[in-house]
Amino acid sequence: MKFQVLSIISHAPHPLTGELLSPADRLAEVVEVGVAAERSGYDAYAIGERHAGPFLSSGPTVILGALAARTSRIKLLTGVTVVAILDPVRVAEDYATLDQLSRGRIELVIGKGAEAGHFDLFGLDEERQWDLQKEKYELLRRLWSEENVDWEGEFRPALKNVTTVPRPYDGPPRVWHGSATSLNSPELAAKHGDPLFTANAIQPRAAYARLIEHYRERFEAYGHDPAHAHVAAGSGGLLIADTHEQAVARYKDLYEAKVRQAFRPHLEGRAGYNTPFRTIEDAIADGPQLIGSPQQIIDKILGYHEVYRHDLQSVTVDAFGQSTAEQIETLQRFQEEIAPVVRREAPSSLWEE
């Protein structure tokens, strides 16, 4: 298995102390942790995109550019690029530029996004979100794989003889489809023979397993080689302690305060927005969160792998307000005590093909 670190660059007060970093310090922290992730041996580092709520990730291309300048090996991903609200021409230009700067290390994870407010912000109809995503993604594919493109659609002006520049570094970057609650993203990924990135962050395992099963079935039905049906899985946060008891004692107040802080009452009942795992004991036992001793976390990842057969595991270390030093320490410990076992038990050819 390969391992990725993801930040959606949350910018809320610390759930226990109320401390809030300045935007400049919080962004610098994200870049510093990305550099540490490469140094520690992670395979990828991902930046989310949010245009509503307490986040600083509205400009992921800028942050990925800073990471490209400070790193040399690690893959740089998005998580997710909200293609449904963006102009595919600009997406093609911006991420091809990043692909050139990083010498071929950029990959996109596209999706409709996890915030309900951004469609209104960009003057778009949320009811058309899947139509927007499908049309804009299919145009992006053409802009990266073809030159002199003629195109006509519903959501932007027609194109005549268009070649976006720069071209990608070495062919079109890989595009994953982020999937959290709907079968639409797995269907679109399967249609085009693309990989699937399941959120695996809030809902019970069975909800994500349903999306992955649909993806694999449709991937083969569309005529693609099932060996190329790569899957990645997120997690709801990473907290490591020596034992289960120490994890509960050390992180219980922090975890449960964060759950209360992140709760969105206006989205109550909508899948994928509020976690049902309100206590740390529930999160450790049944949630996607990676909390506990190294062995507990190994067992949980391998348990998910039995169901998902995923190639890439994403971890998040800035979900609960840990300091930069604590985040880097957690990443290092994961690499030393957890990753080697999981890599051995669940090998993957991703990025080796």
Protein backbone atom coordinates (compact mmCIF):
# COMPACT_ATOMS: atom_id res chain seq x y z
CA MET A 1 0.00 0.00 0.00
CA LYS A 2 1.00 3.60 -0.62
CA PHE A 3 0.44 6.43 1.85
CA GLN A 4 -0.69 10.01 1.43
CA VAL A 5 -1.06 12.94 3.82
CA LEU A 6 -4.10 15.17 3.24
CA SER A 7 -4.87 18.66 4.54
CA ILE A 8 -8.06 20.56 3.80
CA ILE A 9 -6.47 23.44 5.76
CA SER A 10 -9.11 23.84 8.42
CA HIS A 11 -8.86 27.19 10.20
CA ALA A 12 -11.00 27.01 13.32
CA PRO A 13 -10.03 27.77 16.91
CA HIS A 14 -8.40 24.92 18.80
CA PRO A 15 -11.35 22.90 20.14
CA LEU A 16 -10.05 22.99 23.73
CA THR A 17 -7.93 26.14 24.07
CA GLY A 18 -9.59 28.45 21.56
CA GLU A 19 -6.21 29.36 20.09
CA LEU A 20 -6.29 30.31 16.40
CA LEU A 21 -3.19 30.59 14.22
CA SER A 22 -2.96 33.52 11.83
CA PRO A 23 -3.70 32.58 8.21
CA ALA A 24 -0.03 33.11 7.32
CA ASP A 25 1.15 30.80 10.10
CA ARG A 26 -1.45 28.15 9.28
CA LEU A 27 -0.45 28.10 5.60
CA ALA A 28 3.23 27.95 6.51
CA GLU A 29 2.44 24.98 8.76
CA VAL A 30 0.80 23.10 5.88
CA VAL A 31 3.85 23.57 3.68
CA GLU A 32 6.22 22.58 6.50
CA VAL A 33 4.27 19.39 7.17
CA GLY A 34 4.35 18.60 3.44
CA VAL A 35 8.13 18.91 3.41
CA ALA A 36 8.30 16.65 6.47
CA ALA A 37 6.01 14.12 4.78
CA GLU A 38 8.44 13.80 1.88
CA ARG A 39 11.37 13.52 4.27
CA SER A 40 9.56 10.77 6.22
CA GLY A 41 8.91 8.69 3.11
CA TYR A 42 5.27 9.31 2.28
CA ASP A 43 4.25 8.75 -1.32
CA ALA A 44 1.91 11.74 -1.73
CA TYR A 45 0.72 14.96 -0.14
CA ALA A 46 -2.71 16.37 -0.95
CA ILE A 47 -4.38 19.75 -0.54
CA GLY A 48 -8.16 20.11 -0.46
CA GLU A 49 -10.29 22.86 -1.95
CA ARG A 50 -12.99 24.65 0.03
CA HIS A 51 -14.76 27.91 -0.74
CA ALA A 52 -17.03 28.03 2.29
CA GLY A 53 -16.63 27.45 6.01
CA PRO A 54 -13.55 27.75 8.26
CA PHE A 55 -10.89 26.73 5.74
CA LEU A 56 -7.93 28.34 3.97
CA SER A 57 -7.88 26.05 0.94
CA SER A 58 -9.68 28.21 -1.63
CA GLY A 59 -6.43 28.52 -3.63
CA PRO A 60 -4.97 24.99 -3.75
CA THR A 61 -2.86 25.66 -6.85
CA VAL A 62 -0.93 28.36 -4.98
CA ILE A 63 -0.20 26.05 -2.05
CA LEU A 64 0.75 23.18 -4.33
CA GLY A 65 3.13 25.54 -6.12
CA ALA A 66 4.83 26.30 -2.80
CA LEU A 67 5.06 22.57 -2.11
CA ALA A 68 6.45 21.88 -5.58
CA ALA A 69 9.24 24.37 -4.88
CA ARG A 70 10.08 22.81 -1.50
CA THR A 71 9.94 19.12 -2.51
CA SER A 72 11.43 16.95 -5.24
CA ARG A 73 9.98 13.43 -5.04
CA ILE A 74 6.58 13.26 -3.38
CA LYS A 75 3.41 13.14 -5.51
CA LEU A 76 1.25 16.25 -5.17
CA LEU A 77 -2.51 15.66 -5.26
CA THR A 78 -5.69 17.61 -4.73
CA GLY A 79 -8.43 16.48 -2.42
CA VAL A 80 -10.65 17.49 -4.10
CA THR A 81 -10.54 19.84 -7.06
CA VAL A 82 -14.14 21.07 -7.17
CA VAL A 83 -14.38 20.81 -10.95
CA ALA A 84 -18.16 21.33 -10.93
CA ILE A 85 -17.75 25.03 -10.01
CA LEU A 86 -14.60 25.76 -12.04
CA ASP A 87 -13.80 26.62 -15.65
CA PRO A 88 -12.18 23.53 -17.22
CA VAL A 89 -9.94 25.73 -19.38
CA ARG A 90 -8.47 27.37 -16.29
CA VAL A 91 -8.16 24.02 -14.51
CA ALA A 92 -6.27 22.64 -17.50
CA GLU A 93 -3.92 25.64 -17.57
CA ASP A 94 -3.28 25.90 -13.83
CA TYR A 95 -2.64 22.24 -13.13
CA ALA A 96 -0.57 21.73 -16.29
CA THR A 97 1.59 24.62 -15.06
CA LEU A 98 1.95 22.87 -11.70
CA ASP A 99 2.70 19.63 -13.52
CA GLN A 100 5.55 21.36 -15.35
CA LEU A 101 6.87 23.02 -12.17
CA SER A 102 6.86 19.72 -10.30
CA ARG A 103 8.15 17.75 -13.32
CA GLY A 104 5.20 15.41 -13.54
CA ARG A 105 4.24 14.98 -9.89
CA ILE A 106 0.68 16.39 -10.07
CA GLU A 107 -2.47 14.25 -9.91
CA LEU A 108 -6.02 15.51 -9.48
CA VAL A 109 -8.80 14.16 -7.33
CA ILE A 110 -11.99 15.73 -8.64
CA GLY A 111 -15.39 15.97 -6.98
CA LYS A 112 -18.37 18.17 -6.31
CA GLY A 113 -16.92 19.20 -2.93
CA ALA A 114 -18.08 18.74 0.65
CA GLU A 115 -19.47 22.22 1.31
CA ALA A 116 -23.02 23.09 0.35
CA GLY A 117 -22.35 26.83 -0.03
CA HIS A 118 -19.98 27.02 -2.94
CA PHE A 119 -22.53 26.61 -5.73
CA ASP A 120 -24.34 29.76 -4.64
CA LEU A 121 -21.01 31.54 -4.28
CA PHE A 122 -20.20 30.89 -7.94
CA GLY A 123 -23.74 31.52 -9.16
CA LEU A 124 -24.45 27.89 -10.01
CA ASP A 125 -27.46 25.68 -9.39
CA GLU A 126 -26.64 22.99 -6.84
CA GLU A 127 -29.43 20.86 -8.31
CA ARG A 128 -27.30 20.55 -11.48
CA GLN A 129 -24.09 19.60 -9.63
CA TRP A 130 -23.68 16.19 -11.28
CA ASP A 131 -24.41 17.55 -14.75
CA LEU A 132 -21.84 20.29 -14.12
CA GLN A 133 -19.25 17.80 -12.94
CA LYS A 134 -19.73 15.40 -15.84
CA GLU A 135 -19.58 18.04 -18.57
CA LYS A 136 -16.66 19.95 -17.11
CA TYR A 137 -14.59 16.86 -16.40
CA GLU A 138 -15.10 15.50 -19.90
CA LEU A 139 -13.97 18.81 -21.36
CA LEU A 140 -10.90 18.81 -19.10
CA ARG A 141 -9.99 15.33 -20.39
CA ARG A 142 -10.10 16.57 -23.97
CA LEU A 143 -8.10 19.73 -23.24
CA TRP A 144 -5.29 17.67 -21.72
CA SER A 145 -5.27 14.87 -24.28
CA GLU A 146 -5.99 16.81 -27.50
CA GLU A 147 -4.91 19.95 -29.28
CA ASN A 148 -7.02 22.21 -31.52
CA VAL A 149 -10.16 21.27 -29.60
CA ASP A 150 -13.61 22.13 -30.94
CA TRP A 151 -16.25 21.78 -28.22
CA GLU A 152 -19.79 22.85 -27.41
CA GLY A 153 -21.69 22.25 -24.19
CA GLU A 154 -24.27 23.67 -21.80
CA PHE A 155 -22.31 25.37 -19.04
CA ARG A 156 -19.68 27.51 -20.75
CA PRO A 157 -19.16 29.18 -24.14
CA ALA A 158 -18.17 26.96 -27.04
CA LEU A 159 -14.51 26.44 -27.94
CA LYS A 160 -13.07 26.57 -31.43
CA ASN A 161 -9.58 25.30 -32.28
CA VAL A 162 -8.32 25.64 -28.68
CA THR A 163 -5.02 24.28 -27.40
CA THR A 164 -4.39 25.06 -23.74
CA VAL A 165 -0.86 25.92 -22.66
CA PRO A 166 1.30 24.81 -21.13
CA ARG A 167 0.75 21.21 -22.06
CA PRO A 168 1.13 18.71 -19.20
CA TYR A 169 4.68 17.60 -18.39
CA ASP A 170 4.46 14.02 -19.71
CA GLY A 171 0.94 13.38 -20.90
CA PRO A 172 -2.31 14.04 -19.03
CA PRO A 173 -1.98 13.77 -15.24
CA ARG A 174 -3.87 10.95 -13.58
CA VAL A 175 -7.34 12.01 -12.40
CA TRP A 176 -9.04 10.28 -9.46
CA HIS A 177 -12.73 10.70 -8.71
CA GLY A 178 -13.56 11.60 -5.13
CA SER A 179 -16.56 9.66 -3.83
CA ALA A 180 -18.39 10.19 -0.54
CA THR A 181 -22.13 9.60 -0.79
CA SER A 182 -23.38 9.21 -4.38
CA LEU A 183 -22.99 6.59 -7.09
CA ASN A 184 -22.47 9.36 -9.67
CA SER A 185 -18.73 9.74 -9.07
CA PRO A 186 -17.99 5.98 -9.12
CA GLU A 187 -20.01 5.74 -12.34
CA LEU A 188 -18.08 8.57 -14.02
CA ALA A 189 -14.75 7.12 -12.87
CA ALA A 190 -15.66 3.68 -14.17
CA LYS A 191 -16.83 5.05 -17.52
CA HIS A 192 -13.47 6.66 -18.20
CA GLY A 193 -11.29 3.95 -16.64
CA ASP A 194 -10.11 6.33 -13.90
CA PRO A 195 -9.25 5.47 -10.27
CA LEU A 196 -11.63 6.10 -7.36
CA PHE A 197 -10.82 7.94 -4.13
CA THR A 198 -13.37 7.17 -1.44
CA ALA A 199 -13.67 9.74 1.34
CA ASN A 200 -13.88 7.11 4.11
CA ALA A 201 -14.00 9.93 6.64
CA ILE A 202 -17.41 10.16 8.34
CA GLN A 203 -19.81 7.35 7.43
CA PRO A 204 -19.73 3.68 8.47
CA ARG A 205 -17.67 1.29 6.37
CA ALA A 206 -20.66 -0.23 4.58
CA ALA A 207 -21.58 3.10 2.99
CA TYR A 208 -18.20 3.43 1.29
CA ALA A 209 -18.02 -0.28 0.44
CA ARG A 210 -21.23 0.15 -1.57
CA LEU A 211 -19.65 2.91 -3.68
CA ILE A 212 -16.48 0.90 -4.29
CA GLU A 213 -18.42 -2.24 -5.23
CA HIS A 214 -20.44 -0.25 -7.75
CA TYR A 215 -17.23 1.24 -9.17
CA ARG A 216 -15.54 -2.13 -9.66
CA GLU A 217 -18.63 -3.67 -11.27
CA ARG A 218 -19.10 -0.76 -13.68
CA PHE A 219 -15.35 -0.46 -14.41
CA GLU A 220 -15.35 -3.98 -15.83
CA ALA A 221 -18.73 -3.51 -17.52
CA TYR A 222 -17.29 -0.55 -19.46
CA GLY A 223 -14.60 -2.89 -20.80
CA HIS A 224 -11.63 -1.79 -18.69
CA ASP A 225 -9.09 -4.20 -17.23
CA PRO A 226 -10.12 -4.71 -13.57
CA ALA A 227 -6.43 -4.85 -12.62
CA HIS A 228 -6.34 -1.10 -13.28
CA ALA A 229 -9.30 -0.27 -11.02
CA HIS A 230 -7.22 1.52 -8.40
CA VAL A 231 -8.93 2.67 -5.21
CA ALA A 232 -7.79 5.04 -2.48
CA ALA A 233 -9.35 5.63 0.93
CA GLY A 234 -9.30 8.56 3.28
CA SER A 235 -9.55 8.60 7.07
CA GLY A 236 -11.09 10.91 9.62
CA GLY A 237 -7.84 11.80 11.37
CA LEU A 238 -4.75 10.12 12.81
CA LEU A 239 -3.89 10.04 16.52
CA ILE A 240 -1.33 7.50 17.84
CA ALA A 241 -0.65 6.44 21.44
CA ASP A 242 1.21 3.53 22.99
CA THR A 243 -1.96 1.72 24.05
CA HIS A 244 -5.72 1.89 23.58
CA GLU A 245 -6.12 3.17 27.13
CA GLN A 246 -3.57 5.94 26.58
CA ALA A 247 -5.28 6.95 23.33
CA VAL A 248 -8.62 7.34 25.10
CA ALA A 249 -7.12 9.18 28.07
CA ARG A 250 -4.98 11.51 25.94
CA TYR A 251 -7.37 12.32 23.10
CA LYS A 252 -10.95 11.84 24.40
CA ASP A 253 -11.60 15.49 25.27
CA LEU A 254 -9.85 16.71 22.12
CA TYR A 255 -11.71 14.37 19.77
CA GLU A 256 -15.15 14.94 21.26
CA ALA A 257 -14.70 18.72 21.44
CA LYS A 258 -13.73 18.73 17.76
CA VAL A 259 -16.83 16.70 16.86
CA ARG A 260 -19.01 19.24 18.66
CA GLN A 261 -17.19 22.15 17.01
CA ALA A 262 -17.57 20.66 13.52
CA PHE A 263 -21.25 19.73 13.89
CA ARG A 264 -23.45 21.43 11.30
CA PRO A 265 -27.07 21.38 12.47
CA HIS A 266 -28.45 22.66 9.15
CA LEU A 267 -27.02 19.55 7.47
CA GLU A 268 -28.27 17.08 10.06
CA GLY A 269 -29.52 13.97 8.31
CA ARG A 270 -27.54 14.51 5.12
CA ALA A 271 -25.02 11.71 4.66
CA GLY A 272 -21.39 12.70 4.62
CA TYR A 273 -21.54 15.89 6.68
CA ASN A 274 -21.79 15.05 10.41
CA THR A 275 -20.04 12.04 11.90
CA PRO A 276 -22.19 9.50 13.75
CA PHE A 277 -19.13 8.58 15.84
CA ARG A 278 -19.57 11.18 18.58
CA THR A 279 -17.38 9.56 21.26
CA ILE A 280 -13.77 8.53 20.92
CA GLU A 281 -14.68 5.00 21.94
CA ASP A 282 -17.13 4.77 19.02
CA ALA A 283 -14.57 6.27 16.66
CA ILE A 284 -11.90 3.78 17.67
CA ALA A 285 -14.27 0.81 17.48
CA ASP A 286 -16.22 1.52 14.31
CA GLY A 287 -15.26 4.86 12.74
CA PRO A 288 -12.82 5.47 9.90
CA GLN A 289 -10.64 7.55 12.22
CA LEU A 290 -7.20 6.04 12.83
CA ILE A 291 -6.95 6.44 16.59
CA GLY A 292 -5.25 4.10 19.04
CA SER A 293 -2.13 2.04 19.41
CA PRO A 294 0.01 1.21 16.37
CA GLN A 295 -1.41 -2.31 16.29
CA GLN A 296 -4.99 -1.04 16.46
CA ILE A 297 -4.32 1.26 13.53
CA ILE A 298 -2.63 -1.50 11.53
CA ASP A 299 -5.61 -3.77 12.15
CA LYS A 300 -8.08 -1.08 11.12
CA ILE A 301 -6.30 -0.24 7.85
CA LEU A 302 -5.96 -3.92 6.96
CA GLY A 303 -9.61 -4.44 7.90
CA TYR A 304 -10.60 -1.73 5.46
CA HIS A 305 -8.29 -3.26 2.86
CA GLU A 306 -10.11 -6.59 3.11
CA VAL A 307 -13.28 -4.80 2.01
CA TYR A 308 -11.96 -2.00 -0.22
CA ARG A 309 -8.82 -3.63 -1.70
CA HIS A 310 -7.42 -0.12 -1.83
CA ASP A 311 -3.96 0.85 -3.07
CA LEU A 312 -3.56 4.19 -1.32
CA GLN A 313 -4.34 5.14 2.28
CA SER A 314 -4.69 8.82 3.09
CA VAL A 315 -4.05 10.12 6.61
CA THR A 316 -4.74 13.52 8.14
CA VAL A 317 -2.77 14.85 11.09
CA ASP A 318 -4.13 18.39 11.37
CA ALA A 319 -7.77 17.51 11.99
CA PHE A 320 -7.71 17.96 15.77
CA GLY A 321 -5.56 21.02 16.38
CA GLN A 322 -2.19 19.39 17.00
CA SER A 323 0.86 21.64 16.77
CA THR A 324 3.24 21.46 13.81
CA ALA A 325 5.75 19.50 15.90
CA GLU A 326 3.06 17.06 17.03
CA GLN A 327 1.87 16.55 13.45
CA ILE A 328 5.39 15.81 12.23
CA GLU A 329 6.02 13.47 15.17
CA THR A 330 2.79 11.59 14.38
CA LEU A 331 3.74 11.23 10.71
CA GLN A 332 7.17 9.92 11.63
CA ARG A 333 5.79 7.41 14.11
CA PHE A 334 3.26 6.17 11.55
CA GLN A 335 6.07 5.60 9.05
CA GLU A 336 8.22 3.75 11.58
CA GLU A 337 5.64 1.58 13.35
CA ILE A 338 2.61 1.21 11.08
CA ALA A 339 3.42 1.75 7.40
CA PRO A 340 6.04 -1.03 7.04
CA VAL A 341 3.60 -3.68 8.28
CA VAL A 342 0.75 -2.47 6.05
CA ARG A 343 3.02 -2.18 3.01
CA ARG A 344 4.13 -5.77 3.54
CA GLU A 345 0.64 -7.17 4.14
CA ALA A 346 -1.09 -5.16 1.39
CA PRO A 347 1.39 -4.48 -1.45
CA SER A 348 0.37 -2.24 -4.34
CA SER A 349 1.77 -1.52 -7.79
CA LEU A 350 0.32 2.00 -7.84
CA TRP A 351 2.89 4.49 -9.18
CA GLU A 352 5.14 1.59 -10.17
CA GLU A 353 3.37 0.74 -13.44
